[in-house]
Structures are given as structure tokens and as C-alpha cells.
Amino acid sequence: MVLLGLLLEKYIFLIFHFFFNLQIPRNNRLMYIHSYQSYVWNNMVSKRIEEYGLKAVPGDLTLKGATAVHIEEGDVHNYTIHDVVMPLPGFDVIYPKHKIGEAYKEMLVADNLDINNMRHKIRDYSLSGAYRKIIIRPQNVSWEVVAYDDPRIPLFTTDLDKLEGKPLPVLPTDGKFRALKMEFSLPPSTYATMAIREVLKMDTSIKNQTQLNTTWLR
């Protein structure tokens, strides 16, 4: 499903590139461009983990304040995978010094892009780039096991429920079903579905979750 999602991101961008003269709203244009950057980043992170595993290695990138620097052989022991960042392609980023740096170049060349010339005469198409950590630790983590009987009754209140003053759901203490309720905080450009997938080791795709709901509600 992840591979399918990456391919869809690529094709969406290519369709946009072919029809860029059409009157596409600016927000949509930016969404397509950022989707392509994420598509490249996801591919490169997969290659980086396949090649070097879950440890920092010489040639990786890390942030010193807001500036990206390369991790050198002499101080690699001072870093873990949690310190490693990878760039979204653009004109204002640097790339890893190891094999993944060349992999970025090859992937962009395949899409007729020059890694050394990511500026464009149309400002919206100029990609400045950014850095994202490979692995993020969720913050403010808490969890509890709750019991319930009816799978159609919500087990928690949403932010909208809270704004509307709706009361907390009343759940039985000895219900026949059990659910894991988790709360945590993530920074921008990270996704709760991926964190839940890693905890539960199960498919979190829309298709699978829809099938689960259909099964429960029969």
C-alpha cells in the first residue's frame, strides 16, 4: 500500500506537470509540488534504511540548530538514528555524502530534474527544500485499556465534541470488548496512523480499516 501511495503521488505530479498551463488554483499547484517532494523523500529514506539500517553512519545529515551538517567518521558515535535528517529536494539543502546522495540525483534525473538547479523562473515551482528526521519520538504519550459492549458507540470525544460541550461517553467497566486508547503529540509532517501502525503492527490503510469497520458493524 505504501508503494502504491508513492506511485500515485508521482503520477499526480506528472499529470500536473503536463497540464500546468491550465488554470489550477495556486494552493493545488503547491500541494502537487510538495507531494512530489514527499514522494522523493519517502523513497530515499527507504533506500537509506535498506543500505545502512537504523544507526547513524558517516555521511548522514544532522541539524545543528537550523543548519544541516554532515556526520563525520570521527564523531559518528555521538549520534543515533533519531538525530539523522533527510532532505526534501530543493535549491537550499545539502544531501548525504554516501550512496543516498547519488540516489537523490538519479531519481531526479529520471524525472527530468537537475539536482543542482532546482530554481524556476516561476516562483511557485522553485523548490527550496527542507529537512525531516527519519524517526520521530512521539511526545506526551499516555494509554489505557477501555472496556465496551457496543462497537458503534464512540470511545472518546473529539475536539469538536469538546467545543460543543458534549459529555464524555459512559463506558461499562466489565464490557465484553477491549480497546487500547492512546494519546500522544507529533510535530508537523508526521502522521499518527504511522505511529499506530508501528505499535500495533497491523495494516492502517483506508481499505483495511474500512473492512474492519464493516466486519464489526455486521
C-alpha atoms as a PDB file:
ATOM      1  CA  MET A   1       0.000   0.000   0.000  1.00  0.00           C
ATOM      2  CA  VAL A   2       2.903   2.381   0.737  1.00  0.00           C
ATOM      3  CA  LEU A   3       4.391   1.698  -2.714  1.00  0.00           C
ATOM      4  CA  LEU A   4       1.005   2.289  -4.335  1.00  0.00           C
ATOM      5  CA  GLY A   5       0.668   5.579  -2.486  1.00  0.00           C
ATOM      6  CA  LEU A   6       4.120   6.681  -3.665  1.00  0.00           C
ATOM      7  CA  LEU A   7       3.296   5.810  -7.271  1.00  0.00           C
ATOM      8  CA  LEU A   8       0.032   7.730  -7.087  1.00  0.00           C
ATOM      9  CA  GLU A   9       1.907  10.770  -5.749  1.00  0.00           C
ATOM     10  CA  LYS A  10       4.297  10.578  -8.690  1.00  0.00           C
ATOM     11  CA  TYR A  11       1.567  10.247 -11.307  1.00  0.00           C
ATOM     12  CA  ILE A  12      -0.428  13.095  -9.793  1.00  0.00           C
ATOM     13  CA  PHE A  13       2.627  15.298 -10.123  1.00  0.00           C
ATOM     14  CA  LEU A  14       3.313  14.203 -13.705  1.00  0.00           C
ATOM     15  CA  ILE A  15      -0.275  14.907 -14.714  1.00  0.00           C
ATOM     16  CA  PHE A  16       0.033  18.341 -13.167  1.00  0.00           C
ATOM     17  CA  HIS A  17       3.345  18.957 -14.952  1.00  0.00           C
ATOM     18  CA  PHE A  18       1.781  18.081 -18.317  1.00  0.00           C
ATOM     19  CA  PHE A  19      -1.228  20.349 -17.840  1.00  0.00           C
ATOM     20  CA  PHE A  20       0.487  23.140 -15.902  1.00  0.00           C
ATOM     21  CA  ASN A  21      -0.838  25.763 -18.314  1.00  0.00           C
ATOM     22  CA  LEU A  22      -4.380  25.097 -17.156  1.00  0.00           C
ATOM     23  CA  GLN A  23      -5.908  27.373 -14.561  1.00  0.00           C
ATOM     24  CA  ILE A  24      -5.089  25.297 -11.486  1.00  0.00           C
ATOM     25  CA  PRO A  25      -5.557  27.135  -8.173  1.00  0.00           C
ATOM     26  CA  ARG A  26      -2.269  28.085  -6.511  1.00  0.00           C
ATOM     27  CA  ASN A  27      -2.947  26.016  -3.402  1.00  0.00           C
ATOM     28  CA  ASN A  28      -3.471  22.931  -5.566  1.00  0.00           C
ATOM     29  CA  ARG A  29      -0.272  23.592  -7.522  1.00  0.00           C
ATOM     30  CA  LEU A  30       1.721  23.825  -4.306  1.00  0.00           C
ATOM     31  CA  MET A  31       0.094  20.652  -2.991  1.00  0.00           C
ATOM     32  CA  TYR A  32       1.211  18.717  -6.075  1.00  0.00           C
ATOM     33  CA  ILE A  33       4.752  20.056  -5.828  1.00  0.00           C
ATOM     34  CA  HIS A  34       5.017  19.240  -2.127  1.00  0.00           C
ATOM     35  CA  SER A  35       3.587  15.779  -2.810  1.00  0.00           C
ATOM     36  CA  TYR A  36       6.427  15.166  -5.249  1.00  0.00           C
ATOM     37  CA  GLN A  37       8.982  16.267  -2.680  1.00  0.00           C
ATOM     38  CA  SER A  38       7.456  13.853  -0.151  1.00  0.00           C
ATOM     39  CA  TYR A  39       7.453  11.101  -2.770  1.00  0.00           C
ATOM     40  CA  VAL A  40      11.191  11.548  -3.306  1.00  0.00           C
ATOM     41  CA  TRP A  41      11.867  11.772   0.444  1.00  0.00           C
ATOM     42  CA  ASN A  42       9.952   8.564   1.194  1.00  0.00           C
ATOM     43  CA  ASN A  43      11.845   6.664  -1.494  1.00  0.00           C
ATOM     44  CA  MET A  44      15.214   7.932  -0.317  1.00  0.00           C
ATOM     45  CA  VAL A  45      14.505   7.133   3.351  1.00  0.00           C
ATOM     46  CA  SER A  46      13.552   3.577   2.364  1.00  0.00           C
ATOM     47  CA  LYS A  47      16.818   3.235   0.431  1.00  0.00           C
ATOM     48  CA  ARG A  48      18.821   4.763   3.273  1.00  0.00           C
ATOM     49  CA  ILE A  49      17.423   2.289   5.851  1.00  0.00           C
ATOM     50  CA  GLU A  50      17.890  -0.649   3.476  1.00  0.00           C
ATOM     51  CA  GLU A  51      21.510   0.349   2.886  1.00  0.00           C
ATOM     52  CA  TYR A  52      22.641   1.377   6.388  1.00  0.00           C
ATOM     53  CA  GLY A  53      19.999   0.203   8.857  1.00  0.00           C
ATOM     54  CA  LEU A  54      18.802   2.058  11.943  1.00  0.00           C
ATOM     55  CA  LYS A  55      22.051   3.682  13.031  1.00  0.00           C
ATOM     56  CA  ALA A  56      23.857   6.892  12.200  1.00  0.00           C
ATOM     57  CA  VAL A  57      26.697   6.471   9.687  1.00  0.00           C
ATOM     58  CA  PRO A  58      29.336   8.802   8.260  1.00  0.00           C
ATOM     59  CA  GLY A  59      27.872  10.941   5.502  1.00  0.00           C
ATOM     60  CA  ASP A  60      24.435  11.191   7.107  1.00  0.00           C
ATOM     61  CA  LEU A  61      22.962  14.608   7.845  1.00  0.00           C
ATOM     62  CA  THR A  62      22.040  16.073  11.217  1.00  0.00           C
ATOM     63  CA  LEU A  63      20.883  19.504  12.323  1.00  0.00           C
ATOM     64  CA  LYS A  64      22.971  21.983  14.269  1.00  0.00           C
ATOM     65  CA  GLY A  65      20.310  24.490  15.156  1.00  0.00           C
ATOM     66  CA  ALA A  66      18.626  25.170  11.831  1.00  0.00           C
ATOM     67  CA  THR A  67      21.703  24.224   9.772  1.00  0.00           C
ATOM     68  CA  ALA A  68      22.280  20.772   8.312  1.00  0.00           C
ATOM     69  CA  VAL A  69      25.801  19.333   8.612  1.00  0.00           C
ATOM     70  CA  HIS A  70      27.348  16.017   7.649  1.00  0.00           C
ATOM     71  CA  ILE A  71      28.186  13.459  10.309  1.00  0.00           C
ATOM     72  CA  GLU A  72      31.899  12.697  10.109  1.00  0.00           C
ATOM     73  CA  GLU A  73      33.671   9.429  10.807  1.00  0.00           C
ATOM     74  CA  GLY A  74      35.301  10.753  13.978  1.00  0.00           C
ATOM     75  CA  ASP A  75      32.099  11.769  15.747  1.00  0.00           C
ATOM     76  CA  VAL A  76      29.548   9.275  14.399  1.00  0.00           C
ATOM     77  CA  HIS A  77      29.430   7.634  17.854  1.00  0.00           C
ATOM     78  CA  ASN A  78      27.841  10.820  19.212  1.00  0.00           C
ATOM     79  CA  TYR A  79      24.690  10.342  17.106  1.00  0.00           C
ATOM     80  CA  THR A  80      21.806   7.901  16.813  1.00  0.00           C
ATOM     81  CA  ILE A  81      19.212   7.358  14.109  1.00  0.00           C
ATOM     82  CA  HIS A  82      16.992   9.826  15.978  1.00  0.00           C
ATOM     83  CA  ASP A  83      19.452  12.604  15.064  1.00  0.00           C
ATOM     84  CA  VAL A  84      19.552  11.813  11.340  1.00  0.00           C
ATOM     85  CA  VAL A  85      17.625  14.007   8.894  1.00  0.00           C
ATOM     86  CA  MET A  86      16.994  13.621   5.176  1.00  0.00           C
ATOM     87  CA  PRO A  87      16.341  16.494   2.775  1.00  0.00           C
ATOM     88  CA  LEU A  88      13.246  17.241   0.766  1.00  0.00           C
ATOM     89  CA  PRO A  89      14.794  18.109  -2.629  1.00  0.00           C
ATOM     90  CA  GLY A  90      15.389  21.783  -3.307  1.00  0.00           C
ATOM     91  CA  PHE A  91      17.906  24.528  -4.026  1.00  0.00           C
ATOM     92  CA  ASP A  92      18.588  25.374  -0.376  1.00  0.00           C
ATOM     93  CA  VAL A  93      19.526  21.951   1.035  1.00  0.00           C
ATOM     94  CA  ILE A  94      22.554  19.682   1.069  1.00  0.00           C
ATOM     95  CA  TYR A  95      22.487  15.936   0.502  1.00  0.00           C
ATOM     96  CA  PRO A  96      24.091  12.942   2.241  1.00  0.00           C
ATOM     97  CA  LYS A  97      27.685  12.199   1.277  1.00  0.00           C
ATOM     98  CA  HIS A  98      27.188   8.443   0.997  1.00  0.00           C
ATOM     99  CA  LYS A  99      25.331   6.401  -1.650  1.00  0.00           C
ATOM    100  CA  ILE A 100      21.979   8.024  -0.914  1.00  0.00           C
ATOM    101  CA  GLY A 101      23.225  11.384  -2.116  1.00  0.00           C
ATOM    102  CA  GLU A 102      23.800   9.880  -5.547  1.00  0.00           C
ATOM    103  CA  ALA A 103      20.427   8.105  -5.359  1.00  0.00           C
ATOM    104  CA  TYR A 104      18.729  11.504  -4.975  1.00  0.00           C
ATOM    105  CA  LYS A 105      20.447  12.711  -8.132  1.00  0.00           C
ATOM    106  CA  GLU A 106      19.485   9.596 -10.110  1.00  0.00           C
ATOM    107  CA  MET A 107      15.845   9.806  -9.075  1.00  0.00           C
ATOM    108  CA  LEU A 108      15.550  13.470 -10.020  1.00  0.00           C
ATOM    109  CA  VAL A 109      17.313  12.885 -13.365  1.00  0.00           C
ATOM    110  CA  ALA A 110      14.740  10.169 -14.119  1.00  0.00           C
ATOM    111  CA  ASP A 111      12.062  12.848 -13.702  1.00  0.00           C
ATOM    112  CA  ASN A 112      13.986  15.348 -15.867  1.00  0.00           C
ATOM    113  CA  LEU A 113      15.082  17.465 -12.911  1.00  0.00           C
ATOM    114  CA  ASP A 114      18.568  18.793 -12.207  1.00  0.00           C
ATOM    115  CA  ILE A 115      19.507  18.436  -8.535  1.00  0.00           C
ATOM    116  CA  ASN A 116      21.909  21.372  -8.902  1.00  0.00           C
ATOM    117  CA  ASN A 117      19.316  23.672 -10.453  1.00  0.00           C
ATOM    118  CA  MET A 118      16.058  23.492  -8.520  1.00  0.00           C
ATOM    119  CA  ARG A 119      15.182  27.142  -9.026  1.00  0.00           C
ATOM    120  CA  HIS A 120      12.498  28.043 -11.539  1.00  0.00           C
ATOM    121  CA  LYS A 121      11.568  31.314 -13.208  1.00  0.00           C
ATOM    122  CA  ILE A 122       8.062  30.807 -11.849  1.00  0.00           C
ATOM    123  CA  ARG A 123       8.460  31.279  -8.116  1.00  0.00           C
ATOM    124  CA  ASP A 124       5.841  28.708  -7.115  1.00  0.00           C
ATOM    125  CA  TYR A 125       7.788  25.998  -8.938  1.00  0.00           C
ATOM    126  CA  SER A 126      11.098  26.793  -7.209  1.00  0.00           C
ATOM    127  CA  LEU A 127      11.754  24.150  -4.568  1.00  0.00           C
ATOM    128  CA  SER A 128      13.805  25.441  -1.643  1.00  0.00           C
ATOM    129  CA  GLY A 129      13.690  22.104   0.178  1.00  0.00           C
ATOM    130  CA  ALA A 130      13.678  21.296   3.887  1.00  0.00           C
ATOM    131  CA  TYR A 131      14.846  18.628   6.310  1.00  0.00           C
ATOM    132  CA  ARG A 132      12.865  15.946   8.113  1.00  0.00           C
ATOM    133  CA  LYS A 133      14.018  13.487  10.733  1.00  0.00           C
ATOM    134  CA  ILE A 134      13.934   9.842   9.682  1.00  0.00           C
ATOM    135  CA  ILE A 135      12.437   8.792  13.016  1.00  0.00           C
ATOM    136  CA  ILE A 136      10.371  10.867  15.435  1.00  0.00           C
ATOM    137  CA  ARG A 137       9.662  10.019  19.063  1.00  0.00           C
ATOM    138  CA  PRO A 138       6.041  10.852  19.991  1.00  0.00           C
ATOM    139  CA  GLN A 139       5.717  13.175  22.978  1.00  0.00           C
ATOM    140  CA  ASN A 140       3.154  13.369  25.823  1.00  0.00           C
ATOM    141  CA  VAL A 141       2.364   9.671  25.437  1.00  0.00           C
ATOM    142  CA  SER A 142      -0.357   8.067  27.551  1.00  0.00           C
ATOM    143  CA  TRP A 143      -2.523   4.993  27.123  1.00  0.00           C
ATOM    144  CA  GLU A 144      -5.253   2.960  28.766  1.00  0.00           C
ATOM    145  CA  VAL A 145      -7.316  -0.132  28.055  1.00  0.00           C
ATOM    146  CA  VAL A 146     -11.057   0.597  27.989  1.00  0.00           C
ATOM    147  CA  ALA A 147     -13.947  -1.862  28.040  1.00  0.00           C
ATOM    148  CA  TYR A 148     -17.056  -1.550  25.882  1.00  0.00           C
ATOM    149  CA  ASP A 149     -20.020  -3.543  24.596  1.00  0.00           C
ATOM    150  CA  ASP A 150     -21.273  -1.687  21.509  1.00  0.00           C
ATOM    151  CA  PRO A 151     -18.694  -1.109  18.701  1.00  0.00           C
ATOM    152  CA  ARG A 152     -20.925   1.629  17.253  1.00  0.00           C
ATOM    153  CA  ILE A 153     -20.567   3.920  20.297  1.00  0.00           C
ATOM    154  CA  PRO A 154     -17.566   6.334  20.245  1.00  0.00           C
ATOM    155  CA  LEU A 155     -14.955   5.570  22.898  1.00  0.00           C
ATOM    156  CA  PHE A 156     -13.727   9.151  23.211  1.00  0.00           C
ATOM    157  CA  THR A 157     -14.746  12.730  22.477  1.00  0.00           C
ATOM    158  CA  THR A 158     -13.325  14.585  19.502  1.00  0.00           C
ATOM    159  CA  ASP A 159     -12.102  18.189  19.611  1.00  0.00           C
ATOM    160  CA  LEU A 160     -15.401  19.192  18.006  1.00  0.00           C
ATOM    161  CA  ASP A 161     -17.330  17.312  20.702  1.00  0.00           C
ATOM    162  CA  LYS A 162     -15.392  19.215  23.341  1.00  0.00           C
ATOM    163  CA  LEU A 163     -16.123  22.573  21.676  1.00  0.00           C
ATOM    164  CA  GLU A 164     -19.794  21.659  21.550  1.00  0.00           C
ATOM    165  CA  GLY A 165     -19.749  20.673  25.214  1.00  0.00           C
ATOM    166  CA  LYS A 166     -20.712  17.061  24.656  1.00  0.00           C
ATOM    167  CA  PRO A 167     -20.178  14.837  27.721  1.00  0.00           C
ATOM    168  CA  LEU A 168     -17.652  12.027  27.876  1.00  0.00           C
ATOM    169  CA  PRO A 169     -19.076   8.667  26.775  1.00  0.00           C
ATOM    170  CA  VAL A 170     -20.131   6.411  29.634  1.00  0.00           C
ATOM    171  CA  LEU A 171     -18.471   3.018  29.232  1.00  0.00           C
ATOM    172  CA  PRO A 172     -19.041  -0.167  31.218  1.00  0.00           C
ATOM    173  CA  THR A 173     -16.232  -1.377  33.452  1.00  0.00           C
ATOM    174  CA  ASP A 174     -16.838  -5.002  32.510  1.00  0.00           C
ATOM    175  CA  GLY A 175     -17.683  -4.770  28.798  1.00  0.00           C
ATOM    176  CA  LYS A 176     -17.111  -7.795  26.607  1.00  0.00           C
ATOM    177  CA  PHE A 177     -14.693  -5.955  24.275  1.00  0.00           C
ATOM    178  CA  ARG A 178     -11.377  -4.233  24.986  1.00  0.00           C
ATOM    179  CA  ALA A 179      -9.807  -1.272  23.191  1.00  0.00           C
ATOM    180  CA  LEU A 180      -6.421   0.400  23.504  1.00  0.00           C
ATOM    181  CA  LYS A 181      -6.801   4.165  23.843  1.00  0.00           C
ATOM    182  CA  MET A 182      -3.623   6.148  23.112  1.00  0.00           C
ATOM    183  CA  GLU A 183      -2.837   9.843  23.278  1.00  0.00           C
ATOM    184  CA  PHE A 184       0.363  11.454  22.003  1.00  0.00           C
ATOM    185  CA  SER A 185       1.710  14.539  20.269  1.00  0.00           C
ATOM    186  CA  LEU A 186       3.595  14.664  16.962  1.00  0.00           C
ATOM    187  CA  PRO A 187       5.270  17.561  15.133  1.00  0.00           C
ATOM    188  CA  PRO A 188       4.142  18.743  11.668  1.00  0.00           C
ATOM    189  CA  SER A 189       4.669  16.407   8.691  1.00  0.00           C
ATOM    190  CA  THR A 190       4.355  13.285  10.837  1.00  0.00           C
ATOM    191  CA  TYR A 191       1.319  11.047  10.992  1.00  0.00           C
ATOM    192  CA  ALA A 192      -0.493   9.339  13.851  1.00  0.00           C
ATOM    193  CA  THR A 193      -1.511   6.463  11.577  1.00  0.00           C
ATOM    194  CA  MET A 194       2.162   5.550  11.090  1.00  0.00           C
ATOM    195  CA  ALA A 195       2.835   5.658  14.843  1.00  0.00           C
ATOM    196  CA  ILE A 196      -0.184   3.421  15.489  1.00  0.00           C
ATOM    197  CA  ARG A 197       0.946   1.041  12.749  1.00  0.00           C
ATOM    198  CA  GLU A 198       4.327   0.632  14.439  1.00  0.00           C
ATOM    199  CA  VAL A 199       2.719  -0.038  17.829  1.00  0.00           C
ATOM    200  CA  LEU A 200       0.022  -2.441  16.637  1.00  0.00           C
ATOM    201  CA  LYS A 201       1.969  -3.993  13.736  1.00  0.00           C
ATOM    202  CA  MET A 202      -1.143  -4.013  11.568  1.00  0.00           C
ATOM    203  CA  ASP A 203      -2.310  -2.553   8.271  1.00  0.00           C
ATOM    204  CA  THR A 204      -3.592   1.003   8.791  1.00  0.00           C
ATOM    205  CA  SER A 205      -4.625   1.620   5.182  1.00  0.00           C
ATOM    206  CA  ILE A 206      -8.089   3.034   4.491  1.00  0.00           C
ATOM    207  CA  LYS A 207      -9.117  -0.160   2.726  1.00  0.00           C
ATOM    208  CA  ASN A 208      -8.199  -2.392   5.651  1.00  0.00           C
ATOM    209  CA  GLN A 209      -9.756  -0.118   8.267  1.00  0.00           C
ATOM    210  CA  THR A 210     -12.977   0.089   6.259  1.00  0.00           C
ATOM    211  CA  GLN A 211     -13.111  -3.696   6.112  1.00  0.00           C
ATOM    212  CA  LEU A 212     -12.624  -3.884   9.879  1.00  0.00           C
ATOM    213  CA  ASN A 213     -15.469  -1.438  10.451  1.00  0.00           C
ATOM    214  CA  THR A 214     -17.723  -3.392   8.111  1.00  0.00           C
ATOM    215  CA  THR A 215     -16.930  -6.608   9.965  1.00  0.00           C
ATOM    216  CA  TRP A 216     -17.601  -5.092  13.388  1.00  0.00           C
ATOM    217  CA  LEU A 217     -20.860  -3.451  12.365  1.00  0.00           C
ATOM    218  CA  ARG A 218     -22.488  -6.573  10.870  1.00  0.00           C
END
